[in-house]
Amino acid sequence: MKTITSETLARVEDLLKALGEVRYRSLFGGYSLTIDKAAFGMLVEGELFLRANEQSAAYFTQRNSSKLKFTRRGRAVYLNYYQVDSELWNDPDLLV
């Protein structure tokens, strides 16, 4: 795991420790994040992407947040995960 990704993972674990143990596994060139077997995010190249539901997707869309993209067979595939920006990082209650 790259240093920047390890640092971001430590930050995520610290913010979300009240919800349970954050686990990770390699997936799509990044790391899938789970708590109690529920997937909630991805870490890709040191960036956190959160899985969106209808409410949070509206929030992220309004903020023009980037969706998680990976390439499969030469084509871009966008997942329902949105990048956490600095403003959201700075509001731990909203992030949780």
PDB file of N, CA and C in Angstrom:
ATOM      1  N   MET A   1       0.849  -1.177   0.000  1.00  0.00           N
ATOM      2  CA  MET A   1       0.000   0.000   0.000  1.00  0.00           C
ATOM      3  C   MET A   1       0.889   1.232   0.000  1.00  0.00           C
ATOM      4  N   LYS A   2       0.609   2.162  -0.902  1.00  0.00           N
ATOM      5  CA  LYS A   2       1.416   3.377  -0.988  1.00  0.00           C
ATOM      6  C   LYS A   2       1.239   4.219   0.274  1.00  0.00           C
ATOM      7  N   THR A   3       2.263   5.018   0.580  1.00  0.00           N
ATOM      8  CA  THR A   3       2.262   5.834   1.790  1.00  0.00           C
ATOM      9  C   THR A   3       1.055   6.757   1.859  1.00  0.00           C
ATOM     10  N   ILE A   4       0.759   7.450   0.762  1.00  0.00           N
ATOM     11  CA  ILE A   4      -0.364   8.398   0.782  1.00  0.00           C
ATOM     12  C   ILE A   4      -1.683   7.678   1.029  1.00  0.00           C
ATOM     13  N   THR A   5      -1.853   6.488   0.475  1.00  0.00           N
ATOM     14  CA  THR A   5      -3.058   5.698   0.702  1.00  0.00           C
ATOM     15  C   THR A   5      -3.105   5.235   2.153  1.00  0.00           C
ATOM     16  N   SER A   6      -1.981   4.836   2.723  1.00  0.00           N
ATOM     17  CA  SER A   6      -1.925   4.430   4.132  1.00  0.00           C
ATOM     18  C   SER A   6      -2.310   5.584   5.042  1.00  0.00           C
ATOM     19  N   GLU A   7      -1.846   6.780   4.708  1.00  0.00           N
ATOM     20  CA  GLU A   7      -2.177   7.963   5.507  1.00  0.00           C
ATOM     21  C   GLU A   7      -3.673   8.263   5.434  1.00  0.00           C
ATOM     22  N   THR A   8      -4.256   8.156   4.251  1.00  0.00           N
ATOM     23  CA  THR A   8      -5.685   8.401   4.092  1.00  0.00           C
ATOM     24  C   THR A   8      -6.481   7.338   4.836  1.00  0.00           C
ATOM     25  N   LEU A   9      -6.058   6.081   4.753  1.00  0.00           N
ATOM     26  CA  LEU A   9      -6.734   5.002   5.470  1.00  0.00           C
ATOM     27  C   LEU A   9      -6.710   5.267   6.974  1.00  0.00           C
ATOM     28  N   ALA A  10      -5.580   5.694   7.506  1.00  0.00           N
ATOM     29  CA  ALA A  10      -5.479   5.996   8.934  1.00  0.00           C
ATOM     30  C   ALA A  10      -6.442   7.119   9.312  1.00  0.00           C
ATOM     31  N   ARG A  11      -6.567   8.103   8.448  1.00  0.00           N
ATOM     32  CA  ARG A  11      -7.486   9.224   8.691  1.00  0.00           C
ATOM     33  C   ARG A  11      -8.933   8.740   8.684  1.00  0.00           C
ATOM     34  N   VAL A  12      -9.280   7.890   7.735  1.00  0.00           N
ATOM     35  CA  VAL A  12     -10.632   7.328   7.649  1.00  0.00           C
ATOM     36  C   VAL A  12     -10.925   6.496   8.897  1.00  0.00           C
ATOM     37  N   GLU A  13      -9.978   5.645   9.278  1.00  0.00           N
ATOM     38  CA  GLU A  13     -10.176   4.813  10.462  1.00  0.00           C
ATOM     39  C   GLU A  13     -10.407   5.662  11.704  1.00  0.00           C
ATOM     40  N   ASP A  14      -9.657   6.738  11.847  1.00  0.00           N
ATOM     41  CA  ASP A  14      -9.804   7.616  13.001  1.00  0.00           C
ATOM     42  C   ASP A  14     -11.182   8.292  13.011  1.00  0.00           C
ATOM     43  N   LEU A  15     -11.625   8.782  11.863  1.00  0.00           N
ATOM     44  CA  LEU A  15     -12.913   9.462  11.778  1.00  0.00           C
ATOM     45  C   LEU A  15     -14.100   8.529  12.007  1.00  0.00           C
ATOM     46  N   LEU A  16     -13.971   7.283  11.566  1.00  0.00           N
ATOM     47  CA  LEU A  16     -15.103   6.368  11.588  1.00  0.00           C
ATOM     48  C   LEU A  16     -15.031   5.300  12.678  1.00  0.00           C
ATOM     49  N   LYS A  17     -14.089   5.413  13.600  1.00  0.00           N
ATOM     50  CA  LYS A  17     -13.903   4.368  14.608  1.00  0.00           C
ATOM     51  C   LYS A  17     -15.147   4.126  15.466  1.00  0.00           C
ATOM     52  N   ALA A  18     -15.982   5.142  15.639  1.00  0.00           N
ATOM     53  CA  ALA A  18     -17.200   4.973  16.427  1.00  0.00           C
ATOM     54  C   ALA A  18     -18.210   4.053  15.733  1.00  0.00           C
ATOM     55  N   LEU A  19     -18.086   3.889  14.423  1.00  0.00           N
ATOM     56  CA  LEU A  19     -19.005   3.051  13.657  1.00  0.00           C
ATOM     57  C   LEU A  19     -18.585   1.586  13.606  1.00  0.00           C
ATOM     58  N   GLY A  20     -17.337   1.309  13.929  1.00  0.00           N
ATOM     59  CA  GLY A  20     -16.826  -0.058  13.893  1.00  0.00           C
ATOM     60  C   GLY A  20     -15.454  -0.106  13.251  1.00  0.00           C
ATOM     61  N   GLU A  21     -14.945  -1.306  13.108  1.00  0.00           N
ATOM     62  CA  GLU A  21     -13.616  -1.499  12.522  1.00  0.00           C
ATOM     63  C   GLU A  21     -13.671  -1.369  11.002  1.00  0.00           C
ATOM     64  N   VAL A  22     -12.844  -0.488  10.473  1.00  0.00           N
ATOM     65  CA  VAL A  22     -12.738  -0.311   9.025  1.00  0.00           C
ATOM     66  C   VAL A  22     -11.804  -1.394   8.490  1.00  0.00           C
ATOM     67  N   ARG A  23     -12.305  -2.153   7.522  1.00  0.00           N
ATOM     68  CA  ARG A  23     -11.496  -3.185   6.867  1.00  0.00           C
ATOM     69  C   ARG A  23     -11.317  -2.793   5.403  1.00  0.00           C
ATOM     70  N   TYR A  24     -10.270  -3.310   4.791  1.00  0.00           N
ATOM     71  CA  TYR A  24     -10.019  -2.990   3.396  1.00  0.00           C
ATOM     72  C   TYR A  24      -9.502  -4.218   2.663  1.00  0.00           C
ATOM     73  N   ARG A  25      -9.737  -4.214   1.337  1.00  0.00           N
ATOM     74  CA  ARG A  25      -9.187  -5.262   0.475  1.00  0.00           C
ATOM     75  C   ARG A  25      -8.974  -4.667  -0.908  1.00  0.00           C
ATOM     76  N   SER A  26      -8.046  -5.225  -1.613  1.00  0.00           N
ATOM     77  CA  SER A  26      -7.692  -4.741  -2.942  1.00  0.00           C
ATOM     78  C   SER A  26      -8.858  -4.968  -3.911  1.00  0.00           C
ATOM     79  N   LEU A  27      -9.175  -3.921  -4.706  1.00  0.00           N
ATOM     80  CA  LEU A  27     -10.268  -4.012  -5.670  1.00  0.00           C
ATOM     81  C   LEU A  27     -10.144  -2.894  -6.688  1.00  0.00           C
ATOM     82  N   PHE A  28     -10.243  -3.197  -7.979  1.00  0.00           N
ATOM     83  CA  PHE A  28     -10.213  -2.216  -9.068  1.00  0.00           C
ATOM     84  C   PHE A  28      -8.993  -1.298  -9.019  1.00  0.00           C
ATOM     85  N   GLY A  29      -7.868  -1.786  -8.595  1.00  0.00           N
ATOM     86  CA  GLY A  29      -6.663  -0.969  -8.539  1.00  0.00           C
ATOM     87  C   GLY A  29      -6.598  -0.064  -7.328  1.00  0.00           C
ATOM     88  N   GLY A  30      -7.549  -0.194  -6.432  1.00  0.00           N
ATOM     89  CA  GLY A  30      -7.569   0.578  -5.188  1.00  0.00           C
ATOM     90  C   GLY A  30      -7.917  -0.356  -4.036  1.00  0.00           C
ATOM     91  N   TYR A  31      -8.608   0.181  -3.043  1.00  0.00           N
ATOM     92  CA  TYR A  31      -8.992  -0.618  -1.881  1.00  0.00           C
ATOM     93  C   TYR A  31     -10.444  -0.353  -1.536  1.00  0.00           C
ATOM     94  N   SER A  32     -11.215  -1.433  -1.431  1.00  0.00           N
ATOM     95  CA  SER A  32     -12.601  -1.342  -1.005  1.00  0.00           C
ATOM     96  C   SER A  32     -12.618  -1.238   0.522  1.00  0.00           C
ATOM     97  N   LEU A  33     -13.444  -0.338   1.056  1.00  0.00           N
ATOM     98  CA  LEU A  33     -13.536  -0.133   2.498  1.00  0.00           C
ATOM     99  C   LEU A  33     -14.881  -0.629   3.006  1.00  0.00           C
ATOM    100  N   THR A  34     -14.856  -1.363   4.117  1.00  0.00           N
ATOM    101  CA  THR A  34     -16.087  -1.886   4.703  1.00  0.00           C
ATOM    102  C   THR A  34     -16.070  -1.707   6.216  1.00  0.00           C
ATOM    103  N   ILE A  35     -17.255  -1.652   6.776  1.00  0.00           N
ATOM    104  CA  ILE A  35     -17.464  -1.737   8.220  1.00  0.00           C
ATOM    105  C   ILE A  35     -18.581  -2.758   8.398  1.00  0.00           C
ATOM    106  N   ASP A  36     -18.333  -3.787   9.201  1.00  0.00           N
ATOM    107  CA  ASP A  36     -19.319  -4.859   9.417  1.00  0.00           C
ATOM    108  C   ASP A  36     -19.858  -5.410   8.105  1.00  0.00           C
ATOM    109  N   LYS A  37     -18.983  -5.670   7.157  1.00  0.00           N
ATOM    110  CA  LYS A  37     -19.296  -6.252   5.846  1.00  0.00           C
ATOM    111  C   LYS A  37     -20.124  -5.340   4.943  1.00  0.00           C
ATOM    112  N   ALA A  38     -20.317  -4.084   5.334  1.00  0.00           N
ATOM    113  CA  ALA A  38     -21.039  -3.128   4.491  1.00  0.00           C
ATOM    114  C   ALA A  38     -20.027  -2.236   3.789  1.00  0.00           C
ATOM    115  N   ALA A  39     -20.011  -2.302   2.462  1.00  0.00           N
ATOM    116  CA  ALA A  39     -19.084  -1.470   1.682  1.00  0.00           C
ATOM    117  C   ALA A  39     -19.571  -0.026   1.724  1.00  0.00           C
ATOM    118  N   PHE A  40     -18.646   0.881   2.025  1.00  0.00           N
ATOM    119  CA  PHE A  40     -19.024   2.289   2.084  1.00  0.00           C
ATOM    120  C   PHE A  40     -18.099   3.193   1.276  1.00  0.00           C
ATOM    121  N   GLY A  41     -16.924   2.705   0.886  1.00  0.00           N
ATOM    122  CA  GLY A  41     -16.002   3.585   0.184  1.00  0.00           C
ATOM    123  C   GLY A  41     -14.902   2.847  -0.534  1.00  0.00           C
ATOM    124  N   MET A  42     -14.144   3.633  -1.283  1.00  0.00           N
ATOM    125  CA  MET A  42     -12.964   3.131  -1.996  1.00  0.00           C
ATOM    126  C   MET A  42     -11.831   4.122  -1.779  1.00  0.00           C
ATOM    127  N   LEU A  43     -10.630   3.587  -1.632  1.00  0.00           N
ATOM    128  CA  LEU A  43      -9.417   4.400  -1.607  1.00  0.00           C
ATOM    129  C   LEU A  43      -8.671   4.131  -2.895  1.00  0.00           C
ATOM    130  N   VAL A  44      -8.431   5.178  -3.669  1.00  0.00           N
ATOM    131  CA  VAL A  44      -7.730   5.043  -4.942  1.00  0.00           C
ATOM    132  C   VAL A  44      -6.688   6.152  -5.013  1.00  0.00           C
ATOM    133  N   GLU A  45      -5.431   5.754  -5.089  1.00  0.00           N
ATOM    134  CA  GLU A  45      -4.306   6.699  -5.186  1.00  0.00           C
ATOM    135  C   GLU A  45      -4.385   7.785  -4.121  1.00  0.00           C
ATOM    136  N   GLY A  46      -4.716   7.377  -2.894  1.00  0.00           N
ATOM    137  CA  GLY A  46      -4.746   8.298  -1.765  1.00  0.00           C
ATOM    138  C   GLY A  46      -6.006   9.124  -1.652  1.00  0.00           C
ATOM    139  N   GLU A  47      -6.951   8.944  -2.564  1.00  0.00           N
ATOM    140  CA  GLU A  47      -8.211   9.695  -2.538  1.00  0.00           C
ATOM    141  C   GLU A  47      -9.331   8.803  -2.033  1.00  0.00           C
ATOM    142  N   LEU A  48     -10.210   9.375  -1.195  1.00  0.00           N
ATOM    143  CA  LEU A  48     -11.357   8.654  -0.673  1.00  0.00           C
ATOM    144  C   LEU A  48     -12.579   8.940  -1.529  1.00  0.00           C
ATOM    145  N   PHE A  49     -13.265   7.877  -1.915  1.00  0.00           N
ATOM    146  CA  PHE A  49     -14.525   7.968  -2.640  1.00  0.00           C
ATOM    147  C   PHE A  49     -15.576   7.266  -1.792  1.00  0.00           C
ATOM    148  N   LEU A  50     -16.716   7.918  -1.561  1.00  0.00           N
ATOM    149  CA  LEU A  50     -17.787   7.332  -0.772  1.00  0.00           C
ATOM    150  C   LEU A  50     -18.894   6.807  -1.669  1.00  0.00           C
ATOM    151  N   ARG A  51     -19.427   5.649  -1.288  1.00  0.00           N
ATOM    152  CA  ARG A  51     -20.546   5.059  -2.012  1.00  0.00           C
ATOM    153  C   ARG A  51     -21.779   5.921  -1.746  1.00  0.00           C
ATOM    154  N   ALA A  52     -22.530   6.197  -2.787  1.00  0.00           N
ATOM    155  CA  ALA A  52     -23.657   7.112  -2.663  1.00  0.00           C
ATOM    156  C   ALA A  52     -25.006   6.391  -2.668  1.00  0.00           C
ATOM    157  N   ASN A  53     -25.917   6.922  -1.852  1.00  0.00           N
ATOM    158  CA  ASN A  53     -27.322   6.548  -1.941  1.00  0.00           C
ATOM    159  C   ASN A  53     -28.037   7.739  -2.586  1.00  0.00           C
ATOM    160  N   GLU A  54     -29.356   7.735  -2.654  1.00  0.00           N
ATOM    161  CA  GLU A  54     -30.056   8.828  -3.334  1.00  0.00           C
ATOM    162  C   GLU A  54     -29.764  10.178  -2.683  1.00  0.00           C
ATOM    163  N   GLN A  55     -29.796  10.227  -1.362  1.00  0.00           N
ATOM    164  CA  GLN A  55     -29.580  11.489  -0.653  1.00  0.00           C
ATOM    165  C   GLN A  55     -28.155  12.003  -0.846  1.00  0.00           C
ATOM    166  N   SER A  56     -27.175  11.139  -0.639  1.00  0.00           N
ATOM    167  CA  SER A  56     -25.792  11.599  -0.758  1.00  0.00           C
ATOM    168  C   SER A  56     -25.407  11.848  -2.222  1.00  0.00           C
ATOM    169  N   ALA A  57     -25.993  11.112  -3.162  1.00  0.00           N
ATOM    170  CA  ALA A  57     -25.705  11.355  -4.583  1.00  0.00           C
ATOM    171  C   ALA A  57     -26.142  12.762  -4.966  1.00  0.00           C
ATOM    172  N   ALA A  58     -27.287  13.202  -4.455  1.00  0.00           N
ATOM    173  CA  ALA A  58     -27.759  14.561  -4.730  1.00  0.00           C
ATOM    174  C   ALA A  58     -26.780  15.584  -4.171  1.00  0.00           C
ATOM    175  N   TYR A  59     -26.281  15.325  -2.961  1.00  0.00           N
ATOM    176  CA  TYR A  59     -25.296  16.224  -2.334  1.00  0.00           C
ATOM    177  C   TYR A  59     -24.030  16.313  -3.196  1.00  0.00           C
ATOM    178  N   PHE A  60     -23.490  15.163  -3.577  1.00  0.00           N
ATOM    179  CA  PHE A  60     -22.257  15.140  -4.360  1.00  0.00           C
ATOM    180  C   PHE A  60     -22.447  15.752  -5.750  1.00  0.00           C
ATOM    181  N   THR A  61     -23.592  15.492  -6.368  1.00  0.00           N
ATOM    182  CA  THR A  61     -23.870  16.053  -7.687  1.00  0.00           C
ATOM    183  C   THR A  61     -23.954  17.573  -7.618  1.00  0.00           C
ATOM    184  N   GLN A  62     -24.601  18.075  -6.582  1.00  0.00           N
ATOM    185  CA  GLN A  62     -24.718  19.516  -6.386  1.00  0.00           C
ATOM    186  C   GLN A  62     -23.340  20.168  -6.235  1.00  0.00           C
ATOM    187  N   ARG A  63     -22.400  19.451  -5.644  1.00  0.00           N
ATOM    188  CA  ARG A  63     -21.053  19.973  -5.414  1.00  0.00           C
ATOM    189  C   ARG A  63     -20.108  19.680  -6.584  1.00  0.00           C
ATOM    190  N   ASN A  64     -20.614  19.054  -7.641  1.00  0.00           N
ATOM    191  CA  ASN A  64     -19.811  18.678  -8.809  1.00  0.00           C
ATOM    192  C   ASN A  64     -18.633  17.774  -8.443  1.00  0.00           C
ATOM    193  N   SER A  65     -18.874  16.853  -7.519  1.00  0.00           N
ATOM    194  CA  SER A  65     -17.832  15.907  -7.107  1.00  0.00           C
ATOM    195  C   SER A  65     -17.568  14.895  -8.213  1.00  0.00           C
ATOM    196  N   SER A  66     -16.327  14.465  -8.306  1.00  0.00           N
ATOM    197  CA  SER A  66     -15.937  13.478  -9.320  1.00  0.00           C
ATOM    198  C   SER A  66     -16.395  12.086  -8.916  1.00  0.00           C
ATOM    199  N   LYS A  67     -16.859  11.333  -9.912  1.00  0.00           N
ATOM    200  CA  LYS A  67     -17.209   9.934  -9.673  1.00  0.00           C
ATOM    201  C   LYS A  67     -15.967   9.069  -9.862  1.00  0.00           C
ATOM    202  N   LEU A  68     -15.954   7.938  -9.187  1.00  0.00           N
ATOM    203  CA  LEU A  68     -14.861   6.983  -9.328  1.00  0.00           C
ATOM    204  C   LEU A  68     -14.937   6.339 -10.702  1.00  0.00           C
ATOM    205  N   LYS A  69     -13.824   6.360 -11.416  1.00  0.00           N
ATOM    206  CA  LYS A  69     -13.767   5.827 -12.774  1.00  0.00           C
ATOM    207  C   LYS A  69     -12.640   4.803 -12.859  1.00  0.00           C
ATOM    208  N   PHE A  70     -12.915   3.699 -13.523  1.00  0.00           N
ATOM    209  CA  PHE A  70     -11.853   2.774 -13.877  1.00  0.00           C
ATOM    210  C   PHE A  70     -12.066   2.349 -15.318  1.00  0.00           C
ATOM    211  N   THR A  71     -11.029   1.802 -15.901  1.00  0.00           N
ATOM    212  CA  THR A  71     -11.090   1.419 -17.315  1.00  0.00           C
ATOM    213  C   THR A  71     -11.212  -0.098 -17.419  1.00  0.00           C
ATOM    214  N   ARG A  72     -12.182  -0.528 -18.206  1.00  0.00           N
ATOM    215  CA  ARG A  72     -12.391  -1.952 -18.435  1.00  0.00           C
ATOM    216  C   ARG A  72     -12.482  -2.176 -19.934  1.00  0.00           C
ATOM    217  N   ARG A  73     -11.563  -2.989 -20.439  1.00  0.00           N
ATOM    218  CA  ARG A  73     -11.499  -3.275 -21.874  1.00  0.00           C
ATOM    219  C   ARG A  73     -11.426  -1.994 -22.701  1.00  0.00           C
ATOM    220  N   GLY A  74     -10.671  -1.033 -22.187  1.00  0.00           N
ATOM    221  CA  GLY A  74     -10.462   0.205 -22.909  1.00  0.00           C
ATOM    222  C   GLY A  74     -11.581   1.227 -22.792  1.00  0.00           C
ATOM    223  N   ARG A  75     -12.606   0.922 -22.008  1.00  0.00           N
ATOM    224  CA  ARG A  75     -13.742   1.841 -21.851  1.00  0.00           C
ATOM    225  C   ARG A  75     -13.833   2.327 -20.414  1.00  0.00           C
ATOM    226  N   ALA A  76     -14.214   3.580 -20.252  1.00  0.00           N
ATOM    227  CA  ALA A  76     -14.385   4.159 -18.921  1.00  0.00           C
ATOM    228  C   ALA A  76     -15.673   3.635 -18.288  1.00  0.00           C
ATOM    229  N   VAL A  77     -15.558   3.187 -17.050  1.00  0.00           N
ATOM    230  CA  VAL A  77     -16.713   2.733 -16.279  1.00  0.00           C
ATOM    231  C   VAL A  77     -16.771   3.597 -15.027  1.00  0.00           C
ATOM    232  N   TYR A  78     -17.919   4.258 -14.815  1.00  0.00           N
ATOM    233  CA  TYR A  78     -18.095   5.123 -13.653  1.00  0.00           C
ATOM    234  C   TYR A  78     -18.921   4.388 -12.608  1.00  0.00           C
ATOM    235  N   LEU A  79     -18.409   4.384 -11.389  1.00  0.00           N
ATOM    236  CA  LEU A  79     -19.097   3.720 -10.287  1.00  0.00           C
ATOM    237  C   LEU A  79     -19.843   4.758  -9.448  1.00  0.00           C
ATOM    238  N   ASN A  80     -20.771   4.309  -8.644  1.00  0.00           N
ATOM    239  CA  ASN A  80     -21.575   5.198  -7.810  1.00  0.00           C
ATOM    240  C   ASN A  80     -20.832   5.558  -6.516  1.00  0.00           C
ATOM    241  N   TYR A  81     -19.594   5.986  -6.680  1.00  0.00           N
ATOM    242  CA  TYR A  81     -18.744   6.450  -5.586  1.00  0.00           C
ATOM    243  C   TYR A  81     -18.257   7.847  -5.950  1.00  0.00           C
ATOM    244  N   TYR A  82     -18.327   8.767  -4.979  1.00  0.00           N
ATOM    245  CA  TYR A  82     -17.949  10.154  -5.228  1.00  0.00           C
ATOM    246  C   TYR A  82     -16.751  10.554  -4.381  1.00  0.00           C
ATOM    247  N   GLN A  83     -15.881  11.375  -4.964  1.00  0.00           N
ATOM    248  CA  GLN A  83     -14.652  11.804  -4.295  1.00  0.00           C
ATOM    249  C   GLN A  83     -14.967  12.778  -3.160  1.00  0.00           C
ATOM    250  N   VAL A  84     -14.313  12.547  -2.026  1.00  0.00           N
ATOM    251  CA  VAL A  84     -14.441  13.420  -0.867  1.00  0.00           C
ATOM    252  C   VAL A  84     -13.505  14.600  -1.061  1.00  0.00           C
ATOM    253  N   ASP A  85     -14.061  15.814  -1.025  1.00  0.00           N
ATOM    254  CA  ASP A  85     -13.245  17.013  -1.208  1.00  0.00           C
ATOM    255  C   ASP A  85     -12.788  17.554   0.149  1.00  0.00           C
ATOM    256  N   SER A  86     -11.952  18.583   0.117  1.00  0.00           N
ATOM    257  CA  SER A  86     -11.375  19.124   1.350  1.00  0.00           C
ATOM    258  C   SER A  86     -12.446  19.695   2.278  1.00  0.00           C
ATOM    259  N   GLU A  87     -13.491  20.271   1.721  1.00  0.00           N
ATOM    260  CA  GLU A  87     -14.555  20.830   2.560  1.00  0.00           C
ATOM    261  C   GLU A  87     -15.258  19.736   3.367  1.00  0.00           C
ATOM    262  N   LEU A  88     -15.492  18.597   2.741  1.00  0.00           N
ATOM    263  CA  LEU A  88     -16.118  17.477   3.447  1.00  0.00           C
ATOM    264  C   LEU A  88     -15.155  16.868   4.465  1.00  0.00           C
ATOM    265  N   TRP A  89     -13.876  16.758   4.128  1.00  0.00           N
ATOM    266  CA  TRP A  89     -12.870  16.271   5.079  1.00  0.00           C
ATOM    267  C   TRP A  89     -12.860  17.161   6.339  1.00  0.00           C
ATOM    268  N   ASN A  90     -13.078  18.461   6.143  1.00  0.00           N
ATOM    269  CA  ASN A  90     -13.019  19.410   7.252  1.00  0.00           C
ATOM    270  C   ASN A  90     -14.309  19.481   8.066  1.00  0.00           C
ATOM    271  N   ASP A  91     -15.317  18.686   7.700  1.00  0.00           N
ATOM    272  CA  ASP A  91     -16.581  18.610   8.444  1.00  0.00           C
ATOM    273  C   ASP A  91     -16.828  17.153   8.828  1.00  0.00           C
ATOM    274  N   PRO A  92     -16.122  16.670   9.867  1.00  0.00           N
ATOM    275  CA  PRO A  92     -16.206  15.250  10.233  1.00  0.00           C
ATOM    276  C   PRO A  92     -17.625  14.752  10.513  1.00  0.00           C
ATOM    277  N   ASP A  93     -18.468  15.599  11.111  1.00  0.00           N
ATOM    278  CA  ASP A  93     -19.846  15.168  11.397  1.00  0.00           C
ATOM    279  C   ASP A  93     -20.590  14.874  10.104  1.00  0.00           C
ATOM    280  N   LEU A  94     -20.452  15.727   9.119  1.00  0.00           N
ATOM    281  CA  LEU A  94     -21.111  15.504   7.834  1.00  0.00           C
ATOM    282  C   LEU A  94     -20.494  14.309   7.117  1.00  0.00           C
ATOM    283  N   LEU A  95     -19.201  14.157   7.191  1.00  0.00           N
ATOM    284  CA  LEU A  95     -18.526  13.027   6.551  1.00  0.00           C
ATOM    285  C   LEU A  95     -19.029  11.705   7.116  1.00  0.00           C
ATOM    286  N   VAL A  96     -19.147  11.622   8.415  1.00  0.00           N
ATOM    287  CA  VAL A  96     -19.647  10.399   9.070  1.00  0.00           C
ATOM    288  C   VAL A  96     -21.092  10.170   8.674  1.00  0.00           C
TER     289      VAL A  96
END
